[in-house]
């Protein structure tokens, strides 16, 4: 099993483009800035639920779903720490998946976060195929 197969099994195909108006509306309603990079990412990947063979929790890419658990405060803190804008685009267990202005993907859970890679394929590879999965390599310094 490889990352591309998992992505295709979730419903992705080359040149995929879906309506993200509900995603954008939900994100903005919760106070998140929605960048062009986030819109491009969501157009291609939103409404996908990606599951590996050994994982019970799916990685859900969907702006409407992610706002249920994403917190604007954590998003702002990660953005400030890195010096870019993070936009939540996915949800996996207790982790939120973010895309930055360059299109790189990050994961975060409370004060811990880390870069997953420049593509969703790399994130899928790290989460569902490589073990032990996602590694948070950064920690926010909170007062």
N, C-alpha and C. Protein backbone atom coordinates (compact mmCIF):
# COMPACT_ATOMS: atom_id res chain seq x y z
N UNK A 1 0.85 -1.18 0.00
CA UNK A 1 0.00 0.00 0.00
C UNK A 1 0.89 1.24 0.00
N UNK A 2 0.54 2.21 -0.81
CA UNK A 2 1.29 3.46 -0.82
C UNK A 2 0.35 4.64 -0.64
N UNK A 3 0.93 5.81 -0.43
CA UNK A 3 0.14 7.01 -0.13
C UNK A 3 -0.80 7.38 -1.28
N UNK A 4 -0.35 7.27 -2.50
CA UNK A 4 -1.19 7.61 -3.65
C UNK A 4 -2.40 6.68 -3.73
N UNK A 5 -2.20 5.42 -3.44
CA UNK A 5 -3.33 4.47 -3.44
C UNK A 5 -4.35 4.86 -2.38
N UNK A 6 -3.89 5.20 -1.18
CA UNK A 6 -4.81 5.62 -0.11
C UNK A 6 -5.58 6.87 -0.52
N UNK A 7 -4.89 7.80 -1.15
CA UNK A 7 -5.54 9.04 -1.59
C UNK A 7 -6.59 8.74 -2.66
N UNK A 8 -6.26 7.90 -3.61
CA UNK A 8 -7.21 7.54 -4.66
C UNK A 8 -8.41 6.78 -4.09
N UNK A 9 -8.15 5.89 -3.14
CA UNK A 9 -9.25 5.14 -2.51
C UNK A 9 -10.21 6.07 -1.76
N UNK A 10 -9.71 7.21 -1.31
CA UNK A 10 -10.54 8.19 -0.62
C UNK A 10 -11.39 9.01 -1.60
N UNK A 11 -11.09 8.91 -2.91
CA UNK A 11 -11.89 9.63 -3.90
C UNK A 11 -11.15 10.70 -4.67
N UNK A 12 -9.86 10.85 -4.42
CA UNK A 12 -9.08 11.85 -5.15
C UNK A 12 -8.73 11.33 -6.53
N UNK A 13 -8.62 12.24 -7.48
CA UNK A 13 -8.18 11.93 -8.84
C UNK A 13 -7.48 13.17 -9.39
N UNK A 14 -6.61 13.01 -10.40
CA UNK A 14 -5.90 14.17 -10.96
C UNK A 14 -6.88 15.23 -11.46
N UNK A 15 -6.52 16.49 -11.26
CA UNK A 15 -7.33 17.64 -11.67
C UNK A 15 -8.66 17.74 -10.94
N UNK A 16 -8.77 17.13 -9.77
CA UNK A 16 -10.00 17.20 -8.97
C UNK A 16 -10.23 18.64 -8.54
N UNK A 17 -11.46 19.08 -8.62
CA UNK A 17 -11.84 20.42 -8.18
C UNK A 17 -13.28 20.37 -7.68
N UNK A 18 -13.45 20.65 -6.38
CA UNK A 18 -14.78 20.58 -5.78
C UNK A 18 -15.21 21.96 -5.29
N UNK A 19 -16.49 22.11 -5.09
CA UNK A 19 -17.06 23.35 -4.56
C UNK A 19 -16.67 23.47 -3.09
N UNK A 20 -16.00 24.56 -2.76
CA UNK A 20 -15.55 24.76 -1.37
C UNK A 20 -16.24 25.96 -0.72
N UNK A 21 -17.33 26.41 -1.29
CA UNK A 21 -17.99 27.59 -0.73
C UNK A 21 -18.41 27.36 0.72
N UNK A 22 -18.90 26.17 1.06
CA UNK A 22 -19.29 25.88 2.45
C UNK A 22 -18.07 25.83 3.36
N UNK A 23 -16.95 25.29 2.84
CA UNK A 23 -15.71 25.22 3.62
C UNK A 23 -15.25 26.64 3.98
N UNK A 24 -15.17 27.49 2.96
CA UNK A 24 -14.69 28.86 3.15
C UNK A 24 -15.61 29.62 4.10
N UNK A 25 -16.90 29.47 3.92
CA UNK A 25 -17.87 30.15 4.78
C UNK A 25 -17.72 29.70 6.24
N UNK A 26 -17.57 28.40 6.46
CA UNK A 26 -17.43 27.87 7.82
C UNK A 26 -16.15 28.37 8.48
N UNK A 27 -15.04 28.35 7.73
CA UNK A 27 -13.77 28.82 8.28
C UNK A 27 -13.83 30.30 8.63
N UNK A 28 -14.34 31.11 7.74
CA UNK A 28 -14.44 32.56 8.00
C UNK A 28 -15.38 32.86 9.16
N UNK A 29 -16.48 32.11 9.25
CA UNK A 29 -17.45 32.33 10.32
C UNK A 29 -16.83 32.08 11.69
N UNK A 30 -15.82 31.20 11.75
CA UNK A 30 -15.15 30.90 13.01
C UNK A 30 -13.95 31.81 13.26
N UNK A 31 -13.68 32.74 12.31
CA UNK A 31 -12.62 33.71 12.52
C UNK A 31 -11.29 33.37 11.89
N UNK A 32 -11.25 32.33 11.04
CA UNK A 32 -10.00 31.96 10.37
C UNK A 32 -9.84 32.75 9.08
N UNK A 33 -8.63 33.19 8.82
CA UNK A 33 -8.30 33.80 7.53
C UNK A 33 -8.20 32.67 6.52
N UNK A 34 -8.79 32.85 5.35
CA UNK A 34 -8.73 31.83 4.31
C UNK A 34 -7.89 32.37 3.17
N UNK A 35 -6.70 31.82 3.01
CA UNK A 35 -5.76 32.28 1.99
C UNK A 35 -6.03 31.61 0.65
N UNK A 36 -5.45 32.16 -0.40
CA UNK A 36 -5.57 31.54 -1.72
C UNK A 36 -4.97 30.14 -1.72
N UNK A 37 -3.87 29.98 -0.99
CA UNK A 37 -3.22 28.67 -0.90
C UNK A 37 -4.16 27.66 -0.27
N UNK A 38 -4.85 28.05 0.79
CA UNK A 38 -5.80 27.16 1.45
C UNK A 38 -6.96 26.83 0.52
N UNK A 39 -7.43 27.81 -0.22
CA UNK A 39 -8.53 27.56 -1.16
C UNK A 39 -8.11 26.56 -2.24
N UNK A 40 -6.90 26.72 -2.78
CA UNK A 40 -6.41 25.77 -3.80
C UNK A 40 -6.33 24.35 -3.21
N UNK A 41 -5.78 24.25 -2.00
CA UNK A 41 -5.66 22.95 -1.35
C UNK A 41 -7.05 22.32 -1.15
N UNK A 42 -7.97 23.10 -0.61
CA UNK A 42 -9.31 22.57 -0.34
C UNK A 42 -10.05 22.21 -1.64
N UNK A 43 -9.88 23.00 -2.69
CA UNK A 43 -10.53 22.66 -3.96
C UNK A 43 -10.13 21.26 -4.44
N UNK A 44 -8.87 20.94 -4.23
CA UNK A 44 -8.39 19.64 -4.70
C UNK A 44 -8.70 18.50 -3.74
N UNK A 45 -8.69 18.76 -2.43
CA UNK A 45 -8.74 17.67 -1.47
C UNK A 45 -9.94 17.67 -0.51
N UNK A 46 -10.74 18.73 -0.48
CA UNK A 46 -11.82 18.76 0.50
C UNK A 46 -12.83 17.64 0.23
N UNK A 47 -13.48 17.22 1.30
CA UNK A 47 -14.51 16.18 1.30
C UNK A 47 -13.90 14.79 1.14
N UNK A 48 -12.61 14.64 1.47
CA UNK A 48 -11.98 13.33 1.44
C UNK A 48 -11.76 12.83 2.87
N UNK A 49 -11.91 11.54 3.05
CA UNK A 49 -11.64 10.88 4.31
C UNK A 49 -10.64 9.78 4.01
N UNK A 50 -9.42 9.95 4.50
CA UNK A 50 -8.31 9.06 4.16
C UNK A 50 -8.02 8.16 5.36
N UNK A 51 -8.00 6.86 5.11
CA UNK A 51 -7.78 5.89 6.17
C UNK A 51 -6.73 4.89 5.74
N UNK A 52 -5.83 4.59 6.63
CA UNK A 52 -4.83 3.55 6.39
C UNK A 52 -5.34 2.20 6.83
N UNK A 53 -4.62 1.18 6.47
CA UNK A 53 -5.04 -0.19 6.79
C UNK A 53 -5.03 -0.47 8.29
N UNK A 54 -4.12 0.14 9.02
CA UNK A 54 -4.00 -0.18 10.44
C UNK A 54 -4.51 0.93 11.35
N UNK A 55 -5.01 2.01 10.80
CA UNK A 55 -5.48 3.13 11.62
C UNK A 55 -7.01 3.15 11.62
N UNK A 56 -7.58 3.40 12.78
CA UNK A 56 -9.03 3.47 12.86
C UNK A 56 -9.56 4.88 12.62
N UNK A 57 -8.76 5.89 12.91
CA UNK A 57 -9.19 7.27 12.72
C UNK A 57 -8.83 7.73 11.31
N UNK A 58 -9.76 8.34 10.60
CA UNK A 58 -9.43 8.86 9.28
C UNK A 58 -8.86 10.27 9.37
N UNK A 59 -8.10 10.64 8.37
CA UNK A 59 -7.70 12.03 8.16
C UNK A 59 -8.80 12.63 7.30
N UNK A 60 -9.52 13.58 7.84
CA UNK A 60 -10.64 14.19 7.12
C UNK A 60 -10.21 15.57 6.66
N UNK A 61 -10.24 15.76 5.34
CA UNK A 61 -9.94 17.07 4.76
C UNK A 61 -11.28 17.71 4.43
N UNK A 62 -11.63 18.75 5.17
CA UNK A 62 -12.94 19.37 4.99
C UNK A 62 -13.01 20.60 5.90
N UNK A 63 -13.22 21.77 5.31
CA UNK A 63 -13.28 23.01 6.09
C UNK A 63 -14.43 23.05 7.07
N UNK A 64 -15.55 22.45 6.71
CA UNK A 64 -16.71 22.44 7.60
C UNK A 64 -16.45 21.55 8.81
N UNK A 65 -15.83 20.41 8.57
CA UNK A 65 -15.54 19.46 9.66
C UNK A 65 -14.45 20.01 10.58
N UNK A 66 -13.40 20.57 10.00
CA UNK A 66 -12.26 20.99 10.81
C UNK A 66 -12.61 22.10 11.80
N UNK A 67 -13.55 22.98 11.47
CA UNK A 67 -13.87 24.07 12.40
C UNK A 67 -14.54 23.58 13.67
N UNK A 68 -15.02 22.37 13.68
CA UNK A 68 -15.63 21.81 14.89
C UNK A 68 -14.60 21.64 16.00
N UNK A 69 -13.34 21.40 15.62
CA UNK A 69 -12.30 21.14 16.61
C UNK A 69 -11.15 22.13 16.58
N UNK A 70 -10.98 22.85 15.49
CA UNK A 70 -9.87 23.80 15.38
C UNK A 70 -10.14 25.02 16.26
N UNK A 71 -9.07 25.57 16.79
CA UNK A 71 -9.18 26.71 17.69
C UNK A 71 -8.40 27.88 17.08
N UNK A 72 -9.04 29.02 16.95
CA UNK A 72 -8.37 30.17 16.34
C UNK A 72 -7.15 30.60 17.16
N UNK A 73 -7.21 30.45 18.46
CA UNK A 73 -6.08 30.85 19.31
C UNK A 73 -4.83 30.04 19.02
N UNK A 74 -4.95 28.71 18.93
CA UNK A 74 -3.80 27.88 18.61
C UNK A 74 -3.29 28.20 17.20
N UNK A 75 -4.22 28.37 16.28
CA UNK A 75 -3.85 28.69 14.90
C UNK A 75 -3.03 29.98 14.84
N UNK A 76 -3.45 30.98 15.57
CA UNK A 76 -2.72 32.25 15.60
C UNK A 76 -1.34 32.09 16.24
N UNK A 77 -1.25 31.29 17.30
CA UNK A 77 0.03 31.07 17.97
C UNK A 77 1.02 30.33 17.05
N UNK A 78 0.56 29.30 16.36
CA UNK A 78 1.44 28.59 15.42
C UNK A 78 1.89 29.54 14.31
N UNK A 79 0.94 30.32 13.78
CA UNK A 79 1.25 31.26 12.70
C UNK A 79 2.32 32.26 13.13
N UNK A 80 2.17 32.82 14.33
CA UNK A 80 3.14 33.78 14.85
C UNK A 80 4.51 33.13 15.05
N UNK A 81 4.52 31.91 15.57
CA UNK A 81 5.78 31.23 15.84
C UNK A 81 6.57 30.95 14.56
N UNK A 82 5.88 30.66 13.49
CA UNK A 82 6.54 30.32 12.22
C UNK A 82 6.71 31.56 11.34
N UNK A 83 5.86 32.56 11.53
CA UNK A 83 5.94 33.77 10.71
C UNK A 83 5.21 33.65 9.39
N UNK A 84 4.09 32.97 9.42
CA UNK A 84 3.26 32.79 8.23
C UNK A 84 1.81 32.73 8.67
N UNK A 85 0.92 32.43 7.75
CA UNK A 85 -0.49 32.27 8.09
C UNK A 85 -0.84 30.80 7.97
N UNK A 86 -1.37 30.24 9.04
CA UNK A 86 -1.86 28.86 9.03
C UNK A 86 -3.37 28.89 8.85
N UNK A 87 -3.88 27.97 8.06
CA UNK A 87 -5.32 27.80 7.88
C UNK A 87 -5.64 26.32 8.14
N UNK A 88 -6.58 26.04 9.05
CA UNK A 88 -6.92 24.64 9.30
C UNK A 88 -7.66 24.05 8.09
N UNK A 89 -7.24 22.86 7.68
CA UNK A 89 -7.85 22.23 6.51
C UNK A 89 -8.24 20.78 6.76
N UNK A 90 -7.79 20.21 7.88
CA UNK A 90 -8.09 18.81 8.12
C UNK A 90 -8.08 18.46 9.59
N UNK A 91 -8.60 17.28 9.85
CA UNK A 91 -8.79 16.82 11.22
C UNK A 91 -8.39 15.35 11.29
N UNK A 92 -7.56 15.02 12.26
CA UNK A 92 -7.18 13.62 12.48
C UNK A 92 -7.10 13.37 13.98
N UNK A 93 -7.99 12.58 14.50
CA UNK A 93 -8.03 12.28 15.92
C UNK A 93 -8.05 13.60 16.70
N UNK A 94 -7.01 13.89 17.48
CA UNK A 94 -6.96 15.15 18.24
C UNK A 94 -6.11 16.21 17.54
N UNK A 95 -5.59 15.89 16.37
CA UNK A 95 -4.70 16.80 15.66
C UNK A 95 -5.46 17.59 14.59
N UNK A 96 -5.06 18.84 14.43
CA UNK A 96 -5.57 19.65 13.34
C UNK A 96 -4.48 19.76 12.28
N UNK A 97 -4.87 19.63 11.01
CA UNK A 97 -3.95 19.77 9.89
C UNK A 97 -4.11 21.18 9.35
N UNK A 98 -2.97 21.87 9.16
CA UNK A 98 -2.96 23.25 8.67
C UNK A 98 -2.16 23.33 7.38
N UNK A 99 -2.50 24.31 6.54
CA UNK A 99 -1.68 24.64 5.38
C UNK A 99 -1.18 26.07 5.57
N UNK A 100 0.10 26.30 5.24
CA UNK A 100 0.66 27.64 5.37
C UNK A 100 0.64 28.35 4.02
N UNK A 101 1.18 29.55 3.97
CA UNK A 101 1.15 30.35 2.74
C UNK A 101 1.91 29.72 1.58
N UNK A 102 2.91 28.90 1.89
CA UNK A 102 3.70 28.23 0.85
C UNK A 102 3.09 26.91 0.41
N UNK A 103 2.02 26.49 1.06
CA UNK A 103 1.39 25.21 0.73
C UNK A 103 1.92 24.05 1.55
N UNK A 104 2.84 24.32 2.49
CA UNK A 104 3.35 23.26 3.36
C UNK A 104 2.29 22.90 4.39
N UNK A 105 2.28 21.63 4.77
CA UNK A 105 1.28 21.14 5.71
C UNK A 105 1.91 20.93 7.08
N UNK A 106 1.14 21.30 8.10
CA UNK A 106 1.57 21.24 9.50
C UNK A 106 0.48 20.55 10.31
N UNK A 107 0.89 19.91 11.38
CA UNK A 107 -0.06 19.34 12.33
C UNK A 107 0.14 19.99 13.68
N UNK A 108 -0.95 20.12 14.41
CA UNK A 108 -0.84 20.70 15.74
C UNK A 108 -1.86 20.14 16.69
N UNK A 109 -1.44 20.01 17.94
CA UNK A 109 -2.32 19.62 19.03
C UNK A 109 -1.88 20.41 20.25
N UNK A 110 -2.70 21.36 20.63
CA UNK A 110 -2.39 22.26 21.74
C UNK A 110 -1.01 22.89 21.52
N UNK A 111 -0.11 22.82 22.47
CA UNK A 111 1.17 23.51 22.36
C UNK A 111 2.21 22.80 21.51
N UNK A 112 1.90 21.61 21.02
CA UNK A 112 2.85 20.87 20.20
C UNK A 112 2.42 20.90 18.74
N UNK A 113 3.40 21.06 17.86
CA UNK A 113 3.10 21.10 16.43
C UNK A 113 4.33 20.72 15.64
N UNK A 114 4.15 20.48 14.35
CA UNK A 114 5.29 20.14 13.51
C UNK A 114 4.90 20.12 12.05
N UNK A 115 5.90 20.21 11.21
CA UNK A 115 5.68 20.22 9.77
C UNK A 115 5.55 18.78 9.26
N UNK A 116 4.54 18.57 8.45
CA UNK A 116 4.31 17.25 7.89
C UNK A 116 4.90 17.07 6.52
N UNK A 117 5.16 18.19 5.84
CA UNK A 117 5.75 18.10 4.52
C UNK A 117 5.08 19.04 3.54
N UNK A 118 5.64 19.10 2.34
CA UNK A 118 5.12 20.02 1.34
C UNK A 118 3.94 19.47 0.54
N UNK A 119 3.53 18.22 0.82
CA UNK A 119 2.41 17.67 0.05
C UNK A 119 1.55 16.76 0.92
N UNK A 120 0.31 16.60 0.51
CA UNK A 120 -0.58 15.70 1.23
C UNK A 120 -0.08 14.26 1.13
N UNK A 121 0.54 13.90 0.02
CA UNK A 121 1.08 12.55 -0.11
C UNK A 121 2.12 12.27 0.97
N UNK A 122 2.98 13.24 1.26
CA UNK A 122 3.98 13.05 2.32
C UNK A 122 3.32 12.92 3.69
N UNK A 123 2.26 13.69 3.92
CA UNK A 123 1.54 13.60 5.18
C UNK A 123 0.90 12.22 5.32
N UNK A 124 0.26 11.75 4.26
CA UNK A 124 -0.37 10.42 4.28
C UNK A 124 0.69 9.35 4.53
N UNK A 125 1.82 9.47 3.86
CA UNK A 125 2.91 8.52 4.04
C UNK A 125 3.35 8.48 5.51
N UNK A 126 3.52 9.65 6.10
CA UNK A 126 3.97 9.73 7.49
C UNK A 126 2.94 9.26 8.49
N UNK A 127 1.67 9.50 8.20
CA UNK A 127 0.62 9.15 9.16
C UNK A 127 0.17 7.70 9.08
N UNK A 128 0.09 7.18 7.87
CA UNK A 128 -0.53 5.88 7.70
C UNK A 128 0.40 4.75 7.27
N UNK A 129 1.57 5.09 6.76
CA UNK A 129 2.45 4.04 6.24
C UNK A 129 3.73 3.92 7.07
N UNK A 130 4.44 5.03 7.27
CA UNK A 130 5.63 5.00 8.11
C UNK A 130 5.22 4.90 9.57
N UNK A 131 6.06 4.33 10.37
CA UNK A 131 5.77 4.25 11.79
C UNK A 131 6.84 5.01 12.54
N UNK A 132 6.59 5.69 13.64
CA UNK A 132 5.35 5.66 14.38
C UNK A 132 4.34 6.71 13.93
N UNK A 133 4.52 7.32 12.79
CA UNK A 133 3.55 8.31 12.33
C UNK A 133 4.04 9.72 12.57
N UNK A 134 3.11 10.61 12.77
CA UNK A 134 3.42 12.04 12.88
C UNK A 134 4.23 12.31 14.14
N UNK A 135 5.26 13.12 13.96
CA UNK A 135 6.08 13.52 15.11
C UNK A 135 6.04 15.04 15.25
N UNK A 136 5.57 15.51 16.36
CA UNK A 136 5.60 16.94 16.62
C UNK A 136 7.00 17.29 17.08
N UNK A 137 7.66 18.17 16.34
CA UNK A 137 9.04 18.51 16.68
C UNK A 137 9.18 19.93 17.23
N UNK A 138 8.05 20.61 17.45
CA UNK A 138 8.09 21.97 17.98
C UNK A 138 7.10 22.10 19.12
N UNK A 139 7.43 23.01 20.00
CA UNK A 139 6.57 23.29 21.15
C UNK A 139 6.48 24.79 21.33
N UNK A 140 5.25 25.27 21.54
CA UNK A 140 5.05 26.69 21.79
C UNK A 140 5.54 27.02 23.19
N UNK A 141 6.21 28.15 23.31
CA UNK A 141 6.62 28.63 24.62
C UNK A 141 5.51 29.51 25.15
N UNK A 142 4.70 28.97 26.03
CA UNK A 142 3.57 29.69 26.59
C UNK A 142 3.92 30.22 27.97
N UNK A 143 3.45 31.41 28.25
CA UNK A 143 3.70 32.00 29.58
C UNK A 143 2.85 31.39 30.63
